[in-house]
N, C-alpha and C. Protein backbone atom coordinates (compact mmCIF):
# COMPACT_ATOMS: atom_id res chain seq x y z
N UNK A 1 49.44 -177.63 -81.06
CA UNK A 1 49.24 -177.19 -79.68
C UNK A 1 49.63 -178.32 -78.74
N UNK A 2 50.90 -178.57 -78.65
CA UNK A 2 51.42 -179.67 -77.86
C UNK A 2 51.04 -179.53 -76.39
N UNK A 3 50.69 -180.66 -75.78
CA UNK A 3 50.36 -180.65 -74.38
C UNK A 3 48.87 -180.55 -74.11
N UNK A 4 48.08 -180.18 -75.11
CA UNK A 4 46.64 -180.12 -74.94
C UNK A 4 46.09 -181.52 -74.72
N UNK A 5 45.23 -181.68 -73.72
CA UNK A 5 44.67 -182.99 -73.42
C UNK A 5 43.25 -183.09 -73.92
N UNK A 6 42.95 -184.13 -74.65
CA UNK A 6 41.61 -184.40 -75.13
C UNK A 6 41.28 -185.85 -74.79
N UNK A 7 40.01 -186.16 -74.84
CA UNK A 7 39.55 -187.52 -74.57
C UNK A 7 38.94 -188.10 -75.83
N UNK A 8 39.31 -189.32 -76.15
CA UNK A 8 38.71 -190.06 -77.26
C UNK A 8 38.11 -191.33 -76.68
N UNK A 9 36.83 -191.51 -76.89
CA UNK A 9 36.13 -192.71 -76.46
C UNK A 9 36.10 -193.68 -77.64
N UNK A 10 36.72 -194.85 -77.47
CA UNK A 10 36.72 -195.84 -78.53
C UNK A 10 37.86 -196.82 -78.38
N UNK A 11 37.60 -198.06 -78.73
CA UNK A 11 38.60 -199.12 -78.59
C UNK A 11 39.71 -198.97 -79.63
N UNK A 12 40.88 -199.46 -79.27
CA UNK A 12 42.06 -199.30 -80.14
C UNK A 12 41.93 -200.06 -81.44
N UNK A 13 41.08 -201.09 -81.50
CA UNK A 13 40.94 -201.88 -82.73
C UNK A 13 39.89 -201.34 -83.68
N UNK A 14 39.26 -200.23 -83.34
CA UNK A 14 38.34 -199.58 -84.27
C UNK A 14 39.15 -198.80 -85.30
N UNK A 15 38.92 -199.06 -86.58
CA UNK A 15 39.70 -198.37 -87.60
C UNK A 15 39.45 -196.86 -87.59
N UNK A 16 38.23 -196.44 -87.29
CA UNK A 16 37.95 -195.01 -87.23
C UNK A 16 38.62 -194.36 -86.02
N UNK A 17 38.68 -195.06 -84.91
CA UNK A 17 39.43 -194.57 -83.75
C UNK A 17 40.91 -194.47 -84.11
N UNK A 18 41.42 -195.44 -84.85
CA UNK A 18 42.83 -195.42 -85.25
C UNK A 18 43.15 -194.18 -86.07
N UNK A 19 42.26 -193.81 -86.98
CA UNK A 19 42.49 -192.62 -87.79
C UNK A 19 42.56 -191.37 -86.92
N UNK A 20 41.66 -191.27 -85.96
CA UNK A 20 41.66 -190.12 -85.05
C UNK A 20 42.92 -190.08 -84.21
N UNK A 21 43.31 -191.22 -83.66
CA UNK A 21 44.50 -191.26 -82.81
C UNK A 21 45.77 -190.97 -83.61
N UNK A 22 45.81 -191.45 -84.84
CA UNK A 22 46.98 -191.19 -85.70
C UNK A 22 47.14 -189.69 -85.93
N UNK A 23 46.06 -189.01 -86.29
CA UNK A 23 46.14 -187.57 -86.54
C UNK A 23 46.49 -186.82 -85.26
N UNK A 24 45.86 -187.19 -84.15
CA UNK A 24 46.17 -186.52 -82.90
C UNK A 24 47.65 -186.66 -82.55
N UNK A 25 48.21 -187.84 -82.78
CA UNK A 25 49.63 -188.04 -82.50
C UNK A 25 50.51 -187.20 -83.41
N UNK A 26 50.14 -187.11 -84.68
CA UNK A 26 50.92 -186.28 -85.61
C UNK A 26 50.88 -184.81 -85.19
N UNK A 27 49.80 -184.40 -84.53
CA UNK A 27 49.67 -183.01 -84.07
C UNK A 27 50.31 -182.79 -82.70
N UNK A 28 50.84 -183.85 -82.09
CA UNK A 28 51.49 -183.72 -80.81
C UNK A 28 50.54 -183.57 -79.65
N UNK A 29 49.31 -184.05 -79.81
CA UNK A 29 48.31 -183.91 -78.76
C UNK A 29 48.41 -185.03 -77.74
N UNK A 30 48.14 -184.70 -76.50
CA UNK A 30 48.02 -185.69 -75.44
C UNK A 30 46.58 -186.16 -75.40
N UNK A 31 46.37 -187.46 -75.56
CA UNK A 31 45.02 -188.00 -75.68
C UNK A 31 44.78 -189.04 -74.59
N UNK A 32 43.67 -188.91 -73.92
CA UNK A 32 43.19 -189.93 -72.99
C UNK A 32 42.18 -190.78 -73.76
N UNK A 33 42.67 -191.91 -74.29
CA UNK A 33 41.75 -192.79 -75.03
C UNK A 33 41.15 -193.80 -74.07
N UNK A 34 39.85 -193.94 -74.13
CA UNK A 34 39.14 -194.83 -73.22
C UNK A 34 38.49 -195.96 -74.00
N UNK A 35 38.67 -197.18 -73.54
CA UNK A 35 38.14 -198.35 -74.23
C UNK A 35 36.61 -198.38 -74.14
N UNK A 36 35.99 -198.20 -75.28
CA UNK A 36 34.54 -198.23 -75.40
C UNK A 36 34.20 -198.96 -76.69
N UNK A 37 33.12 -199.73 -76.67
CA UNK A 37 32.69 -200.43 -77.87
C UNK A 37 33.28 -201.81 -77.97
N UNK A 38 32.73 -202.62 -78.86
CA UNK A 38 33.23 -203.97 -79.03
C UNK A 38 33.11 -204.76 -77.74
N UNK A 39 34.16 -205.51 -77.41
CA UNK A 39 34.13 -206.36 -76.21
C UNK A 39 34.08 -205.56 -74.91
N UNK A 40 34.37 -204.24 -74.99
CA UNK A 40 34.35 -203.41 -73.80
C UNK A 40 32.95 -202.88 -73.48
N UNK A 41 32.11 -202.80 -74.49
CA UNK A 41 30.78 -202.24 -74.27
C UNK A 41 30.86 -200.78 -73.89
N UNK A 42 29.85 -200.31 -73.15
CA UNK A 42 29.85 -198.93 -72.68
C UNK A 42 29.28 -197.93 -73.64
N UNK A 43 28.98 -198.37 -74.86
CA UNK A 43 28.46 -197.43 -75.86
C UNK A 43 26.93 -197.42 -75.92
N UNK A 44 26.30 -198.14 -74.99
CA UNK A 44 24.85 -198.11 -74.93
C UNK A 44 24.34 -197.52 -73.61
N UNK A 45 25.24 -196.88 -72.88
CA UNK A 45 24.84 -196.26 -71.63
C UNK A 45 24.19 -194.91 -71.91
N UNK A 46 23.36 -194.41 -71.00
CA UNK A 46 22.78 -193.08 -71.20
C UNK A 46 23.84 -191.99 -71.34
N UNK A 47 24.95 -192.14 -70.60
CA UNK A 47 26.00 -191.13 -70.67
C UNK A 47 26.64 -191.09 -72.05
N UNK A 48 26.91 -192.29 -72.63
CA UNK A 48 27.52 -192.30 -73.95
C UNK A 48 26.52 -191.85 -75.01
N UNK A 49 25.27 -192.30 -74.91
CA UNK A 49 24.26 -191.92 -75.90
C UNK A 49 23.98 -190.42 -75.87
N UNK A 50 24.24 -189.79 -74.73
CA UNK A 50 24.10 -188.33 -74.68
C UNK A 50 25.18 -187.65 -75.52
N UNK A 51 26.34 -188.30 -75.66
CA UNK A 51 27.40 -187.76 -76.51
C UNK A 51 27.20 -188.13 -77.96
N UNK A 52 26.75 -189.35 -78.23
CA UNK A 52 26.46 -189.80 -79.59
C UNK A 52 25.22 -190.67 -79.57
N UNK A 53 24.10 -190.15 -80.00
CA UNK A 53 22.85 -190.92 -79.95
C UNK A 53 22.90 -192.22 -80.74
N UNK A 54 23.82 -192.31 -81.72
CA UNK A 54 23.95 -193.53 -82.51
C UNK A 54 24.70 -194.63 -81.78
N UNK A 55 25.39 -194.28 -80.70
CA UNK A 55 26.12 -195.28 -79.93
C UNK A 55 27.37 -195.80 -80.59
N UNK A 56 27.97 -195.02 -81.48
CA UNK A 56 29.15 -195.47 -82.20
C UNK A 56 30.40 -194.73 -81.73
N UNK A 57 31.55 -195.37 -81.92
CA UNK A 57 32.83 -194.73 -81.62
C UNK A 57 33.49 -194.36 -82.96
N UNK A 58 34.37 -193.34 -82.91
CA UNK A 58 34.85 -192.59 -81.75
C UNK A 58 33.95 -191.41 -81.40
N UNK A 59 34.10 -191.00 -80.15
CA UNK A 59 33.58 -189.71 -79.69
C UNK A 59 34.75 -188.95 -79.10
N UNK A 60 34.85 -187.68 -79.46
CA UNK A 60 35.93 -186.82 -78.97
C UNK A 60 35.36 -185.77 -78.03
N UNK A 61 36.06 -185.54 -76.92
CA UNK A 61 35.77 -184.44 -76.03
C UNK A 61 37.02 -183.57 -75.92
N UNK A 62 36.85 -182.30 -76.17
CA UNK A 62 37.94 -181.34 -76.11
C UNK A 62 37.40 -180.08 -75.45
N UNK A 63 37.56 -179.99 -74.14
CA UNK A 63 36.97 -178.88 -73.42
C UNK A 63 35.45 -178.93 -73.52
N UNK A 64 34.86 -177.86 -74.00
CA UNK A 64 33.41 -177.79 -74.13
C UNK A 64 32.90 -178.45 -75.41
N UNK A 65 33.80 -178.91 -76.25
CA UNK A 65 33.42 -179.50 -77.54
C UNK A 65 33.29 -181.01 -77.42
N UNK A 66 32.17 -181.54 -77.86
CA UNK A 66 31.97 -182.99 -77.98
C UNK A 66 31.56 -183.29 -79.40
N UNK A 67 32.27 -184.21 -80.04
CA UNK A 67 32.01 -184.52 -81.45
C UNK A 67 31.98 -186.02 -81.67
N UNK A 68 31.10 -186.45 -82.58
CA UNK A 68 31.17 -187.80 -83.13
C UNK A 68 31.32 -187.68 -84.64
N UNK A 69 31.46 -188.80 -85.31
CA UNK A 69 31.79 -188.92 -86.74
C UNK A 69 33.26 -188.60 -86.96
N UNK A 70 34.01 -189.63 -87.31
CA UNK A 70 35.46 -189.53 -87.37
C UNK A 70 35.95 -188.48 -88.36
N UNK A 71 35.30 -188.34 -89.51
CA UNK A 71 35.76 -187.34 -90.48
C UNK A 71 35.59 -185.94 -89.93
N UNK A 72 34.48 -185.69 -89.24
CA UNK A 72 34.27 -184.38 -88.62
C UNK A 72 35.30 -184.14 -87.53
N UNK A 73 35.62 -185.17 -86.78
CA UNK A 73 36.62 -185.05 -85.71
C UNK A 73 37.98 -184.66 -86.30
N UNK A 74 38.37 -185.31 -87.39
CA UNK A 74 39.68 -185.00 -87.98
C UNK A 74 39.73 -183.57 -88.50
N UNK A 75 38.67 -183.13 -89.16
CA UNK A 75 38.66 -181.75 -89.65
C UNK A 75 38.73 -180.77 -88.47
N UNK A 76 38.03 -181.07 -87.40
CA UNK A 76 38.07 -180.22 -86.22
C UNK A 76 39.48 -180.16 -85.64
N UNK A 77 40.13 -181.31 -85.51
CA UNK A 77 41.48 -181.33 -84.94
C UNK A 77 42.44 -180.47 -85.73
N UNK A 78 42.33 -180.52 -87.06
CA UNK A 78 43.22 -179.70 -87.88
C UNK A 78 42.90 -178.21 -87.73
N UNK A 79 41.62 -177.87 -87.62
CA UNK A 79 41.26 -176.46 -87.44
C UNK A 79 41.68 -175.95 -86.06
N UNK A 80 41.46 -176.76 -85.04
CA UNK A 80 41.66 -176.31 -83.67
C UNK A 80 43.11 -176.43 -83.23
N UNK A 81 43.79 -177.48 -83.65
CA UNK A 81 45.11 -177.78 -83.12
C UNK A 81 46.19 -177.87 -84.20
N UNK A 82 45.82 -177.70 -85.44
CA UNK A 82 46.74 -177.90 -86.54
C UNK A 82 47.17 -176.58 -87.16
N UNK A 83 47.64 -176.67 -88.41
CA UNK A 83 47.57 -177.89 -89.22
C UNK A 83 48.70 -178.89 -89.01
N UNK A 84 49.70 -178.54 -88.19
CA UNK A 84 50.81 -179.48 -88.01
C UNK A 84 51.46 -179.79 -89.34
N UNK A 85 51.75 -181.06 -89.60
CA UNK A 85 52.42 -181.40 -90.85
C UNK A 85 51.48 -181.49 -92.04
N UNK A 86 50.19 -181.25 -91.83
CA UNK A 86 49.19 -181.59 -92.85
C UNK A 86 48.93 -180.45 -93.84
N UNK A 87 48.79 -180.84 -95.09
CA UNK A 87 48.33 -179.95 -96.15
C UNK A 87 46.80 -179.89 -96.07
N UNK A 88 46.24 -178.70 -96.03
CA UNK A 88 44.79 -178.55 -95.90
C UNK A 88 44.17 -177.86 -97.11
N UNK A 89 44.83 -177.92 -98.24
CA UNK A 89 44.28 -177.33 -99.46
C UNK A 89 42.95 -177.97 -99.82
N UNK A 90 42.06 -177.24 -100.51
CA UNK A 90 40.75 -177.79 -100.85
C UNK A 90 40.81 -179.13 -101.60
N UNK A 91 41.76 -179.28 -102.48
CA UNK A 91 41.87 -180.54 -103.22
C UNK A 91 42.14 -181.71 -102.28
N UNK A 92 42.88 -181.45 -101.22
CA UNK A 92 43.15 -182.50 -100.24
C UNK A 92 41.85 -182.98 -99.60
N UNK A 93 40.96 -182.04 -99.31
CA UNK A 93 39.69 -182.40 -98.70
C UNK A 93 38.85 -183.25 -99.63
N UNK A 94 38.87 -182.93 -100.92
CA UNK A 94 38.12 -183.72 -101.89
C UNK A 94 38.63 -185.15 -101.95
N UNK A 95 39.94 -185.31 -101.99
CA UNK A 95 40.51 -186.66 -102.04
C UNK A 95 40.34 -187.40 -100.73
N UNK A 96 40.32 -186.66 -99.63
CA UNK A 96 40.06 -187.30 -98.33
C UNK A 96 38.64 -187.87 -98.30
N UNK A 97 37.67 -187.13 -98.80
CA UNK A 97 36.29 -187.62 -98.85
C UNK A 97 36.20 -188.86 -99.74
N UNK A 98 36.88 -188.82 -100.87
CA UNK A 98 36.89 -189.98 -101.77
C UNK A 98 37.54 -191.18 -101.09
N UNK A 99 38.65 -190.93 -100.40
CA UNK A 99 39.36 -192.04 -99.76
C UNK A 99 38.50 -192.69 -98.69
N UNK A 100 37.78 -191.89 -97.91
CA UNK A 100 36.95 -192.47 -96.85
C UNK A 100 35.72 -193.16 -97.41
N UNK A 101 35.00 -192.48 -98.27
CA UNK A 101 33.68 -192.96 -98.67
C UNK A 101 33.68 -193.88 -99.88
N UNK A 102 34.77 -193.91 -100.63
CA UNK A 102 34.85 -194.80 -101.80
C UNK A 102 35.92 -195.86 -101.60
N UNK A 103 37.17 -195.43 -101.40
CA UNK A 103 38.27 -196.39 -101.28
C UNK A 103 38.11 -197.27 -100.04
N UNK A 104 37.99 -196.66 -98.87
CA UNK A 104 37.90 -197.46 -97.64
C UNK A 104 36.60 -198.24 -97.56
N UNK A 105 35.54 -197.66 -98.08
CA UNK A 105 34.26 -198.39 -98.09
C UNK A 105 34.35 -199.65 -98.93
N UNK A 106 35.24 -199.66 -99.91
CA UNK A 106 35.42 -200.85 -100.75
C UNK A 106 36.21 -201.93 -100.04
N UNK A 107 36.84 -201.59 -98.92
CA UNK A 107 37.64 -202.56 -98.19
C UNK A 107 36.98 -203.02 -96.88
N UNK A 108 36.53 -202.08 -96.09
CA UNK A 108 36.17 -202.40 -94.71
C UNK A 108 35.06 -203.43 -94.59
N UNK A 109 33.93 -203.18 -95.22
CA UNK A 109 32.82 -204.14 -95.09
C UNK A 109 32.98 -205.34 -96.02
N UNK A 110 33.17 -205.13 -97.32
CA UNK A 110 33.18 -206.30 -98.21
C UNK A 110 34.42 -207.19 -98.07
N UNK A 111 35.56 -206.64 -97.68
CA UNK A 111 36.78 -207.43 -97.56
C UNK A 111 37.06 -207.80 -96.10
N UNK A 112 37.28 -206.79 -95.26
CA UNK A 112 37.66 -207.09 -93.88
C UNK A 112 36.54 -207.79 -93.12
N UNK A 113 35.34 -207.24 -93.18
CA UNK A 113 34.22 -207.91 -92.51
C UNK A 113 33.85 -209.20 -93.23
N UNK A 114 33.81 -209.13 -94.56
CA UNK A 114 33.40 -210.32 -95.32
C UNK A 114 34.32 -211.49 -95.13
N UNK A 115 35.61 -211.21 -94.90
CA UNK A 115 36.59 -212.29 -94.72
C UNK A 115 36.92 -212.50 -93.25
N UNK A 116 37.52 -211.51 -92.61
CA UNK A 116 38.10 -211.74 -91.28
C UNK A 116 37.04 -211.77 -90.18
N UNK A 117 36.06 -210.93 -90.27
CA UNK A 117 35.07 -210.85 -89.19
C UNK A 117 33.91 -211.82 -89.38
N UNK A 118 33.95 -212.59 -90.44
CA UNK A 118 32.91 -213.59 -90.71
C UNK A 118 33.47 -214.97 -90.43
N UNK A 119 32.75 -215.81 -89.69
CA UNK A 119 33.24 -217.18 -89.47
C UNK A 119 33.51 -217.86 -90.81
N UNK A 120 34.57 -218.67 -90.85
CA UNK A 120 35.03 -219.28 -92.10
C UNK A 120 33.90 -220.00 -92.84
N UNK A 121 33.06 -220.72 -92.11
CA UNK A 121 32.00 -221.49 -92.75
C UNK A 121 30.95 -220.60 -93.42
N UNK A 122 30.89 -219.35 -93.01
CA UNK A 122 29.87 -218.43 -93.53
C UNK A 122 30.42 -217.48 -94.59
N UNK A 123 31.69 -217.55 -94.90
CA UNK A 123 32.28 -216.60 -95.84
C UNK A 123 31.83 -216.86 -97.28
N UNK A 124 31.62 -215.79 -98.00
CA UNK A 124 31.36 -215.84 -99.44
C UNK A 124 32.66 -215.42 -100.12
N UNK A 125 33.56 -216.38 -100.31
CA UNK A 125 34.89 -216.03 -100.80
C UNK A 125 34.89 -215.45 -102.21
N UNK A 126 34.05 -215.90 -103.14
CA UNK A 126 34.03 -215.22 -104.44
C UNK A 126 33.69 -213.73 -104.30
N UNK A 127 32.76 -213.40 -103.41
CA UNK A 127 32.41 -212.00 -103.20
C UNK A 127 33.56 -211.24 -102.55
N UNK A 128 34.24 -211.88 -101.59
CA UNK A 128 35.38 -211.24 -100.93
C UNK A 128 36.48 -210.93 -101.94
N UNK A 129 36.80 -211.89 -102.79
CA UNK A 129 37.88 -211.70 -103.76
C UNK A 129 37.50 -210.67 -104.81
N UNK A 130 36.24 -210.66 -105.20
CA UNK A 130 35.78 -209.63 -106.14
C UNK A 130 35.92 -208.25 -105.53
N UNK A 131 35.56 -208.13 -104.25
CA UNK A 131 35.69 -206.85 -103.56
C UNK A 131 37.15 -206.46 -103.39
N UNK A 132 38.01 -207.44 -103.14
CA UNK A 132 39.44 -207.16 -103.00
C UNK A 132 40.00 -206.59 -104.30
N UNK A 133 39.61 -207.17 -105.43
CA UNK A 133 40.07 -206.65 -106.71
C UNK A 133 39.56 -205.22 -106.95
N UNK A 134 38.33 -204.94 -106.53
CA UNK A 134 37.81 -203.58 -106.69
C UNK A 134 38.60 -202.61 -105.82
N UNK A 135 38.89 -203.00 -104.59
CA UNK A 135 39.69 -202.14 -103.73
C UNK A 135 41.04 -201.85 -104.35
N UNK A 136 41.66 -202.85 -104.91
CA UNK A 136 42.98 -202.67 -105.53
C UNK A 136 42.90 -201.77 -106.76
N UNK A 137 41.81 -201.86 -107.50
CA UNK A 137 41.62 -200.95 -108.64
C UNK A 137 41.53 -199.51 -108.17
N UNK A 138 40.78 -199.29 -107.10
CA UNK A 138 40.67 -197.94 -106.55
C UNK A 138 42.00 -197.47 -105.96
N UNK A 139 42.72 -198.38 -105.29
CA UNK A 139 44.02 -198.02 -104.74
C UNK A 139 44.99 -197.62 -105.85
N UNK A 140 44.87 -198.26 -107.01
CA UNK A 140 45.71 -197.89 -108.16
C UNK A 140 45.41 -196.45 -108.59
N UNK A 141 44.15 -196.03 -108.49
CA UNK A 141 43.81 -194.64 -108.80
C UNK A 141 44.50 -193.68 -107.83
N UNK A 142 44.53 -194.06 -106.56
CA UNK A 142 45.22 -193.23 -105.57
C UNK A 142 46.71 -193.15 -105.87
N UNK A 143 47.30 -194.27 -106.28
CA UNK A 143 48.72 -194.27 -106.61
C UNK A 143 49.00 -193.46 -107.87
N UNK A 144 48.07 -193.45 -108.80
CA UNK A 144 48.24 -192.62 -109.99
C UNK A 144 48.22 -191.14 -109.60
N UNK A 145 47.35 -190.79 -108.66
CA UNK A 145 47.32 -189.40 -108.17
C UNK A 145 48.63 -189.06 -107.47
N UNK A 146 49.16 -189.97 -106.69
CA UNK A 146 50.41 -189.74 -105.97
C UNK A 146 51.58 -189.58 -106.91
N UNK A 147 51.65 -190.40 -107.93
CA UNK A 147 52.78 -190.35 -108.85
C UNK A 147 54.08 -190.68 -108.14
N UNK A 148 55.07 -189.82 -108.26
CA UNK A 148 56.37 -190.05 -107.63
C UNK A 148 56.53 -189.27 -106.33
N UNK A 149 55.46 -188.61 -105.89
CA UNK A 149 55.53 -187.82 -104.65
C UNK A 149 55.51 -188.75 -103.44
N UNK A 150 55.98 -188.29 -102.30
CA UNK A 150 55.95 -189.15 -101.11
C UNK A 150 54.54 -189.34 -100.56
N UNK A 151 53.64 -188.37 -100.79
CA UNK A 151 52.29 -188.42 -100.24
C UNK A 151 51.27 -188.31 -101.38
N UNK A 152 50.04 -188.59 -101.08
CA UNK A 152 49.03 -188.59 -102.15
C UNK A 152 48.89 -187.23 -102.82
N UNK A 153 49.03 -186.17 -102.02
CA UNK A 153 48.82 -184.83 -102.56
C UNK A 153 50.11 -184.07 -102.81
N UNK A 154 51.23 -184.74 -102.67
CA UNK A 154 52.49 -184.05 -102.93
C UNK A 154 53.52 -184.28 -101.85
N UNK A 155 54.15 -183.20 -101.41
CA UNK A 155 55.27 -183.30 -100.47
C UNK A 155 54.85 -183.34 -99.01
N UNK A 156 53.57 -183.12 -98.72
CA UNK A 156 53.11 -183.11 -97.34
C UNK A 156 51.93 -184.08 -97.19
N UNK A 157 51.80 -184.70 -96.02
CA UNK A 157 50.64 -185.56 -95.80
C UNK A 157 49.37 -184.72 -95.68
N UNK A 158 48.25 -185.36 -95.88
CA UNK A 158 46.95 -184.71 -95.76
C UNK A 158 45.96 -185.74 -95.22
N UNK A 159 44.73 -185.32 -95.00
CA UNK A 159 43.73 -186.27 -94.54
C UNK A 159 43.44 -187.32 -95.60
N UNK A 160 43.77 -187.05 -96.85
CA UNK A 160 43.64 -188.09 -97.88
C UNK A 160 44.53 -189.28 -97.55
N UNK A 161 45.74 -189.01 -97.06
CA UNK A 161 46.65 -190.09 -96.67
C UNK A 161 46.12 -190.85 -95.46
N UNK A 162 45.52 -190.12 -94.52
CA UNK A 162 44.98 -190.77 -93.33
C UNK A 162 43.89 -191.76 -93.72
N UNK A 163 42.93 -191.29 -94.51
CA UNK A 163 41.80 -192.17 -94.84
C UNK A 163 42.20 -193.29 -95.78
N UNK A 164 43.06 -193.00 -96.74
CA UNK A 164 43.49 -194.06 -97.65
C UNK A 164 44.46 -195.02 -96.97
N UNK A 165 45.26 -194.50 -96.04
CA UNK A 165 46.34 -195.31 -95.47
C UNK A 165 45.98 -196.11 -94.24
N UNK A 166 44.90 -195.73 -93.55
CA UNK A 166 44.67 -196.39 -92.25
C UNK A 166 44.15 -197.81 -92.40
N UNK A 167 43.74 -198.22 -93.60
CA UNK A 167 43.31 -199.61 -93.80
C UNK A 167 44.42 -200.50 -94.35
N UNK A 168 45.56 -199.91 -94.69
CA UNK A 168 46.58 -200.70 -95.39
C UNK A 168 47.26 -201.73 -94.50
N UNK A 169 47.36 -201.47 -93.20
CA UNK A 169 47.94 -202.50 -92.33
C UNK A 169 47.12 -203.78 -92.41
N UNK A 170 45.82 -203.65 -92.41
CA UNK A 170 44.96 -204.83 -92.51
C UNK A 170 45.05 -205.44 -93.91
N UNK A 171 45.09 -204.59 -94.92
CA UNK A 171 45.21 -205.11 -96.29
C UNK A 171 46.47 -205.96 -96.44
N UNK A 172 47.58 -205.48 -95.92
CA UNK A 172 48.85 -206.19 -96.12
C UNK A 172 49.06 -207.35 -95.15
N UNK A 173 48.21 -207.49 -94.14
CA UNK A 173 48.40 -208.59 -93.19
C UNK A 173 47.31 -209.65 -93.24
N UNK A 174 46.22 -209.41 -93.95
CA UNK A 174 45.21 -210.44 -94.12
C UNK A 174 45.75 -211.56 -95.01
N UNK A 175 45.35 -212.78 -94.73
CA UNK A 175 45.78 -213.93 -95.51
C UNK A 175 44.89 -214.06 -96.75
N UNK A 176 45.11 -213.15 -97.69
CA UNK A 176 44.34 -213.12 -98.93
C UNK A 176 45.31 -212.96 -100.11
N UNK A 177 44.93 -213.43 -101.29
CA UNK A 177 45.80 -213.32 -102.47
C UNK A 177 45.77 -211.90 -103.05
N UNK A 178 46.73 -211.10 -102.65
CA UNK A 178 46.76 -209.70 -103.09
C UNK A 178 47.31 -209.57 -104.50
N UNK A 179 46.81 -208.57 -105.20
CA UNK A 179 47.38 -208.13 -106.48
C UNK A 179 47.68 -206.64 -106.30
N UNK A 180 48.71 -206.37 -105.53
CA UNK A 180 49.02 -205.02 -105.07
C UNK A 180 49.37 -204.10 -106.24
N UNK A 181 48.67 -202.98 -106.37
CA UNK A 181 48.98 -202.07 -107.47
C UNK A 181 50.35 -201.43 -107.31
N UNK A 182 50.91 -201.02 -108.43
CA UNK A 182 52.24 -200.41 -108.43
C UNK A 182 52.26 -199.18 -107.53
N UNK A 183 53.27 -199.10 -106.70
CA UNK A 183 53.46 -197.95 -105.84
C UNK A 183 52.87 -198.10 -104.44
N UNK A 184 51.90 -199.02 -104.28
CA UNK A 184 51.21 -199.11 -102.99
C UNK A 184 52.14 -199.62 -101.88
N UNK A 185 52.97 -200.59 -102.21
CA UNK A 185 53.90 -201.12 -101.20
C UNK A 185 54.89 -200.04 -100.76
N UNK A 186 55.38 -199.25 -101.70
CA UNK A 186 56.32 -198.18 -101.35
C UNK A 186 55.64 -197.13 -100.49
N UNK A 187 54.42 -196.78 -100.84
CA UNK A 187 53.70 -195.78 -100.04
C UNK A 187 53.42 -196.32 -98.64
N UNK A 188 53.08 -197.59 -98.55
CA UNK A 188 52.86 -198.21 -97.25
C UNK A 188 54.13 -198.15 -96.41
N UNK A 189 55.29 -198.31 -97.02
CA UNK A 189 56.55 -198.20 -96.30
C UNK A 189 56.73 -196.79 -95.74
N UNK A 190 56.28 -195.79 -96.51
CA UNK A 190 56.33 -194.41 -96.01
C UNK A 190 55.46 -194.26 -94.77
N UNK A 191 54.27 -194.87 -94.81
CA UNK A 191 53.37 -194.79 -93.66
C UNK A 191 53.96 -195.49 -92.43
N UNK A 192 54.49 -196.68 -92.63
CA UNK A 192 55.00 -197.45 -91.49
C UNK A 192 56.25 -196.84 -90.88
N UNK A 193 56.87 -195.91 -91.60
CA UNK A 193 58.03 -195.20 -91.04
C UNK A 193 57.60 -194.13 -90.04
N UNK A 194 56.30 -193.81 -90.00
CA UNK A 194 55.79 -192.80 -89.07
C UNK A 194 55.52 -193.44 -87.72
N UNK A 195 56.13 -192.97 -86.65
CA UNK A 195 55.86 -193.54 -85.33
C UNK A 195 54.37 -193.54 -84.97
N UNK A 196 53.66 -192.50 -85.35
CA UNK A 196 52.23 -192.43 -85.02
C UNK A 196 51.45 -193.52 -85.72
N UNK A 197 51.85 -193.87 -86.94
CA UNK A 197 51.18 -194.94 -87.67
C UNK A 197 51.45 -196.28 -87.00
N UNK A 198 52.70 -196.51 -86.65
CA UNK A 198 53.04 -197.79 -86.01
C UNK A 198 52.31 -197.96 -84.68
N UNK A 199 52.18 -196.88 -83.94
CA UNK A 199 51.56 -196.96 -82.61
C UNK A 199 50.05 -197.15 -82.69
N UNK A 200 49.40 -196.42 -83.56
CA UNK A 200 47.94 -196.35 -83.52
C UNK A 200 47.23 -197.13 -84.63
N UNK A 201 47.93 -197.50 -85.67
CA UNK A 201 47.28 -198.22 -86.78
C UNK A 201 47.74 -199.67 -86.85
N UNK A 202 49.02 -199.92 -86.59
CA UNK A 202 49.54 -201.28 -86.66
C UNK A 202 49.23 -202.01 -85.35
N UNK A 203 47.94 -202.19 -85.13
CA UNK A 203 47.40 -202.73 -83.88
C UNK A 203 46.88 -204.15 -84.13
N UNK A 204 47.19 -205.05 -83.21
CA UNK A 204 46.70 -206.42 -83.30
C UNK A 204 45.17 -206.43 -83.34
N UNK A 205 44.61 -206.98 -84.41
CA UNK A 205 43.15 -207.00 -84.55
C UNK A 205 42.57 -208.40 -84.40
N UNK A 206 43.33 -209.31 -83.80
CA UNK A 206 42.88 -210.70 -83.71
C UNK A 206 41.59 -210.84 -82.90
N UNK A 207 41.31 -209.90 -82.00
CA UNK A 207 40.07 -209.99 -81.22
C UNK A 207 38.82 -209.83 -82.10
N UNK A 208 39.02 -209.35 -83.33
CA UNK A 208 37.89 -209.12 -84.23
C UNK A 208 37.56 -210.33 -85.11
N UNK A 209 38.37 -211.37 -85.02
CA UNK A 209 38.19 -212.50 -85.91
C UNK A 209 36.84 -213.17 -85.66
N UNK A 210 36.15 -213.48 -86.75
CA UNK A 210 34.84 -214.12 -86.64
C UNK A 210 34.95 -215.50 -86.03
N UNK A 211 34.06 -215.81 -85.14
CA UNK A 211 34.05 -217.10 -84.46
C UNK A 211 32.83 -217.90 -84.90
N UNK A 212 33.01 -219.22 -84.89
CA UNK A 212 31.89 -220.09 -85.22
C UNK A 212 30.77 -219.86 -84.20
N UNK A 213 29.55 -219.93 -84.67
CA UNK A 213 28.41 -219.72 -83.77
C UNK A 213 28.31 -220.84 -82.75
N UNK A 214 27.97 -220.47 -81.53
CA UNK A 214 27.83 -221.43 -80.45
C UNK A 214 26.65 -222.37 -80.72
N UNK A 215 26.84 -223.66 -80.37
CA UNK A 215 25.76 -224.65 -80.51
C UNK A 215 25.09 -224.94 -79.17
N UNK A 216 25.40 -224.08 -78.18
CA UNK A 216 24.82 -224.31 -76.85
C UNK A 216 23.31 -224.18 -76.91
N UNK A 217 22.58 -224.96 -76.11
CA UNK A 217 21.13 -224.92 -76.14
C UNK A 217 20.60 -223.59 -75.63
């Protein structure tokens, strides 16, 4: 439904906001994204808490519909405005849930937060590297599912690709000793060839780097 305007509340460096913006772009939607959260604040106001009592981004507004939780938002976008290029078969949904709650969970907190968002003096590098190896083991499972197909579920992208793929820019750009599983680099090249991925996922995240704690009195 090209030309439809929706609002997404959330900063561009939020990985969950990136997933929502990527899908919206693939669907040809016009999105008014508003900087909320992180250094912008605004997620603890009464107005924002009325939309999401947890105070987290993203929040989507589409006419009379207001939604939080990124996975719910993506499913809604495909139902309301899709499916666009996306495969929505039941198996895709199962792998999308696995990609978000198992694969990405193995990267975001233990690797990205544990390494990049933690001041260097406070990092537990053995734990970070152990988590990185676990993420790569899980990524190898995704590549085994993909096989020789261009996408995880075959010839068309699905939400499984969104959830598995939206962390790969950070994976491939962090200064960590990667042991990249077979096929992952090629699949990443497929993702980076998508204009929507380059615009909404390949975003400078340097503002998130952990800083040494202030010694001010």
